[in-house]
Amino acid sequence: MIARMWRGWASAATADGYQRHYETDVAEHLRQVPGFRGARLLRHEAGDEVLFTSITYFASMDDIRAFAGEDPEQAVVAEAARRALTHWDERVSHHEVAVDLPQLYAQMDPSGRGEA
């Protein structure tokens, strides 16, 4: 599995709008991409600015190319996102997922002390 990582920054005034865009428009689009395996949007508030880190998961680089096009490192930033963000990474990075801890946590009991 491949993780695709990207960052964008928003003002405090537009950050909630960007998050809604991600939860609705981006989520809907990604669900239709073959090989899409999930996504996380991280949010870090720092004064008047909010940093968002998007991590999307795909089965393969071919699946990422189906989403991003021939240059898979080029960021895909929709017009609605451009209106909400003040700036963003033009390039993304890709990482092979070496360990998937959420899978391991699912096997633990609620106390976190081992298998349920």
C-alpha atoms as a PDB file:
ATOM      1  CA  MET A   1       0.000   0.000   0.000  1.00  0.00           C
ATOM      2  CA  ILE A   2       1.214   3.517  -0.827  1.00  0.00           C
ATOM      3  CA  ALA A   3       0.601   6.612   1.301  1.00  0.00           C
ATOM      4  CA  ARG A   4       0.345   9.921  -0.567  1.00  0.00           C
ATOM      5  CA  MET A   5       1.145  12.922   1.659  1.00  0.00           C
ATOM      6  CA  TRP A   6       0.347  16.573   1.002  1.00  0.00           C
ATOM      7  CA  ARG A   7       0.029  19.780   3.057  1.00  0.00           C
ATOM      8  CA  GLY A   8      -2.098  22.887   2.725  1.00  0.00           C
ATOM      9  CA  TRP A   9      -2.544  25.935   4.931  1.00  0.00           C
ATOM     10  CA  ALA A  10      -5.707  27.927   5.594  1.00  0.00           C
ATOM     11  CA  SER A  11      -6.558  30.983   7.621  1.00  0.00           C
ATOM     12  CA  ALA A  12      -8.507  30.337  10.816  1.00  0.00           C
ATOM     13  CA  ALA A  13     -11.512  31.917   9.062  1.00  0.00           C
ATOM     14  CA  THR A  14     -11.533  29.462   6.130  1.00  0.00           C
ATOM     15  CA  ALA A  15     -10.165  26.283   7.772  1.00  0.00           C
ATOM     16  CA  ASP A  16     -13.568  24.806   8.616  1.00  0.00           C
ATOM     17  CA  GLY A  17     -14.643  25.349   5.018  1.00  0.00           C
ATOM     18  CA  TYR A  18     -11.624  23.455   3.729  1.00  0.00           C
ATOM     19  CA  GLN A  19     -12.295  20.612   6.154  1.00  0.00           C
ATOM     20  CA  ARG A  20     -15.925  20.375   4.958  1.00  0.00           C
ATOM     21  CA  HIS A  21     -14.684  20.315   1.351  1.00  0.00           C
ATOM     22  CA  TYR A  22     -12.366  17.413   2.207  1.00  0.00           C
ATOM     23  CA  GLU A  23     -15.097  15.509   4.060  1.00  0.00           C
ATOM     24  CA  THR A  24     -17.570  15.858   1.189  1.00  0.00           C
ATOM     25  CA  ASP A  25     -16.156  16.620  -2.269  1.00  0.00           C
ATOM     26  CA  VAL A  26     -12.731  15.033  -1.841  1.00  0.00           C
ATOM     27  CA  ALA A  27     -14.185  11.968  -0.094  1.00  0.00           C
ATOM     28  CA  GLU A  28     -16.767  11.452  -2.841  1.00  0.00           C
ATOM     29  CA  HIS A  29     -14.157  11.728  -5.584  1.00  0.00           C
ATOM     30  CA  LEU A  30     -11.687   9.395  -3.859  1.00  0.00           C
ATOM     31  CA  ARG A  31     -14.316   6.699  -3.279  1.00  0.00           C
ATOM     32  CA  GLN A  32     -14.625   6.406  -7.053  1.00  0.00           C
ATOM     33  CA  VAL A  33     -10.889   5.919  -7.689  1.00  0.00           C
ATOM     34  CA  PRO A  34      -9.912   2.264  -8.183  1.00  0.00           C
ATOM     35  CA  GLY A  35      -7.365   1.176  -5.604  1.00  0.00           C
ATOM     36  CA  PHE A  36      -8.277   3.883  -3.068  1.00  0.00           C
ATOM     37  CA  ARG A  37      -7.779   2.418   0.426  1.00  0.00           C
ATOM     38  CA  GLY A  38      -8.632   5.300   2.770  1.00  0.00           C
ATOM     39  CA  ALA A  39      -7.604   8.779   3.872  1.00  0.00           C
ATOM     40  CA  ARG A  40      -6.781  10.843   6.924  1.00  0.00           C
ATOM     41  CA  LEU A  41      -6.847  14.619   7.255  1.00  0.00           C
ATOM     42  CA  LEU A  42      -4.686  15.948  10.068  1.00  0.00           C
ATOM     43  CA  ARG A  43      -5.334  19.439  11.439  1.00  0.00           C
ATOM     44  CA  HIS A  44      -2.838  21.577  13.378  1.00  0.00           C
ATOM     45  CA  GLU A  45      -3.928  25.014  14.575  1.00  0.00           C
ATOM     46  CA  ALA A  46      -1.114  27.526  14.997  1.00  0.00           C
ATOM     47  CA  GLY A  47      -2.434  30.977  15.828  1.00  0.00           C
ATOM     48  CA  ASP A  48      -4.225  32.503  12.851  1.00  0.00           C
ATOM     49  CA  GLU A  49      -3.187  29.700  10.520  1.00  0.00           C
ATOM     50  CA  VAL A  50      -4.238  26.051  10.246  1.00  0.00           C
ATOM     51  CA  LEU A  51      -2.003  23.401   8.696  1.00  0.00           C
ATOM     52  CA  PHE A  52      -3.769  20.460   7.082  1.00  0.00           C
ATOM     53  CA  THR A  53      -1.869  17.285   6.222  1.00  0.00           C
ATOM     54  CA  SER A  54      -3.690  14.906   3.909  1.00  0.00           C
ATOM     55  CA  ILE A  55      -2.628  11.275   3.817  1.00  0.00           C
ATOM     56  CA  THR A  56      -4.401   9.171   1.232  1.00  0.00           C
ATOM     57  CA  TYR A  57      -3.804   5.459   0.763  1.00  0.00           C
ATOM     58  CA  PHE A  58      -3.780   3.596  -2.533  1.00  0.00           C
ATOM     59  CA  ALA A  59      -3.057   0.004  -3.473  1.00  0.00           C
ATOM     60  CA  SER A  60      -0.383   0.936  -6.041  1.00  0.00           C
ATOM     61  CA  MET A  61       1.332   3.753  -7.917  1.00  0.00           C
ATOM     62  CA  ASP A  62      -0.799   2.869 -10.950  1.00  0.00           C
ATOM     63  CA  ASP A  63      -3.873   3.661  -8.854  1.00  0.00           C
ATOM     64  CA  ILE A  64      -2.292   6.966  -7.823  1.00  0.00           C
ATOM     65  CA  ARG A  65      -1.674   7.820 -11.482  1.00  0.00           C
ATOM     66  CA  ALA A  66      -5.360   7.134 -12.170  1.00  0.00           C
ATOM     67  CA  PHE A  67      -6.136   9.778  -9.534  1.00  0.00           C
ATOM     68  CA  ALA A  68      -3.323  12.303 -10.119  1.00  0.00           C
ATOM     69  CA  GLY A  69      -2.421  11.876 -13.773  1.00  0.00           C
ATOM     70  CA  GLU A  70       0.881  11.167 -15.519  1.00  0.00           C
ATOM     71  CA  ASP A  71       2.915  13.195 -12.988  1.00  0.00           C
ATOM     72  CA  PRO A  72       1.923  11.504  -9.725  1.00  0.00           C
ATOM     73  CA  GLU A  73       3.977  13.925  -7.593  1.00  0.00           C
ATOM     74  CA  GLN A  74       1.919  16.898  -8.833  1.00  0.00           C
ATOM     75  CA  ALA A  75      -0.578  18.011  -6.191  1.00  0.00           C
ATOM     76  CA  VAL A  76      -4.265  17.768  -7.099  1.00  0.00           C
ATOM     77  CA  VAL A  77      -5.908  20.893  -5.648  1.00  0.00           C
ATOM     78  CA  ALA A  78      -9.508  21.536  -6.673  1.00  0.00           C
ATOM     79  CA  GLU A  79     -10.777  25.074  -7.191  1.00  0.00           C
ATOM     80  CA  ALA A  80     -12.860  24.938  -3.989  1.00  0.00           C
ATOM     81  CA  ALA A  81      -9.714  24.017  -2.033  1.00  0.00           C
ATOM     82  CA  ARG A  82      -7.752  26.840  -3.686  1.00  0.00           C
ATOM     83  CA  ARG A  83     -10.380  29.311  -2.474  1.00  0.00           C
ATOM     84  CA  ALA A  84     -10.169  28.051   1.131  1.00  0.00           C
ATOM     85  CA  LEU A  85      -6.392  27.639   1.391  1.00  0.00           C
ATOM     86  CA  THR A  86      -3.793  30.402   1.564  1.00  0.00           C
ATOM     87  CA  HIS A  87      -0.998  28.208   0.193  1.00  0.00           C
ATOM     88  CA  TRP A  88      -0.187  24.537  -0.363  1.00  0.00           C
ATOM     89  CA  ASP A  89       2.516  22.134  -1.430  1.00  0.00           C
ATOM     90  CA  GLU A  90       2.703  21.950  -5.217  1.00  0.00           C
ATOM     91  CA  ARG A  91       4.330  18.515  -4.950  1.00  0.00           C
ATOM     92  CA  VAL A  92       3.360  15.493  -2.864  1.00  0.00           C
ATOM     93  CA  SER A  93       5.421  12.633  -1.507  1.00  0.00           C
ATOM     94  CA  HIS A  94       4.708   8.927  -1.691  1.00  0.00           C
ATOM     95  CA  HIS A  95       5.702   6.367   0.912  1.00  0.00           C
ATOM     96  CA  GLU A  96       5.323   2.617   1.070  1.00  0.00           C
ATOM     97  CA  VAL A  97       3.298   1.685   4.146  1.00  0.00           C
ATOM     98  CA  ALA A  98       5.638  -0.524   6.171  1.00  0.00           C
ATOM     99  CA  VAL A  99       3.434  -1.044   9.253  1.00  0.00           C
ATOM    100  CA  ASP A 100      -0.309  -0.456   9.577  1.00  0.00           C
ATOM    101  CA  LEU A 101      -0.938  -0.089  13.312  1.00  0.00           C
ATOM    102  CA  PRO A 102      -4.701   0.506  13.103  1.00  0.00           C
ATOM    103  CA  GLN A 103      -4.978  -3.089  11.951  1.00  0.00           C
ATOM    104  CA  LEU A 104      -3.061  -4.182  15.049  1.00  0.00           C
ATOM    105  CA  TYR A 105      -5.134  -1.977  17.389  1.00  0.00           C
ATOM    106  CA  ALA A 106      -8.331  -3.520  16.069  1.00  0.00           C
ATOM    107  CA  GLN A 107      -7.227  -6.801  17.645  1.00  0.00           C
ATOM    108  CA  MET A 108      -6.798  -5.297  21.140  1.00  0.00           C
ATOM    109  CA  ASP A 109      -9.387  -5.171  23.887  1.00  0.00           C
ATOM    110  CA  PRO A 110     -10.655  -1.698  24.930  1.00  0.00           C
ATOM    111  CA  SER A 111      -8.017  -1.412  27.673  1.00  0.00           C
ATOM    112  CA  GLY A 112      -5.280  -1.737  25.046  1.00  0.00           C
ATOM    113  CA  ARG A 113      -3.671  -4.679  26.851  1.00  0.00           C
ATOM    114  CA  GLY A 114      -3.810  -7.351  24.210  1.00  0.00           C
ATOM    115  CA  GLU A 115      -6.256  -9.250  22.098  1.00  0.00           C
ATOM    116  CA  ALA A 116      -9.915  -9.124  22.993  1.00  0.00           C
END
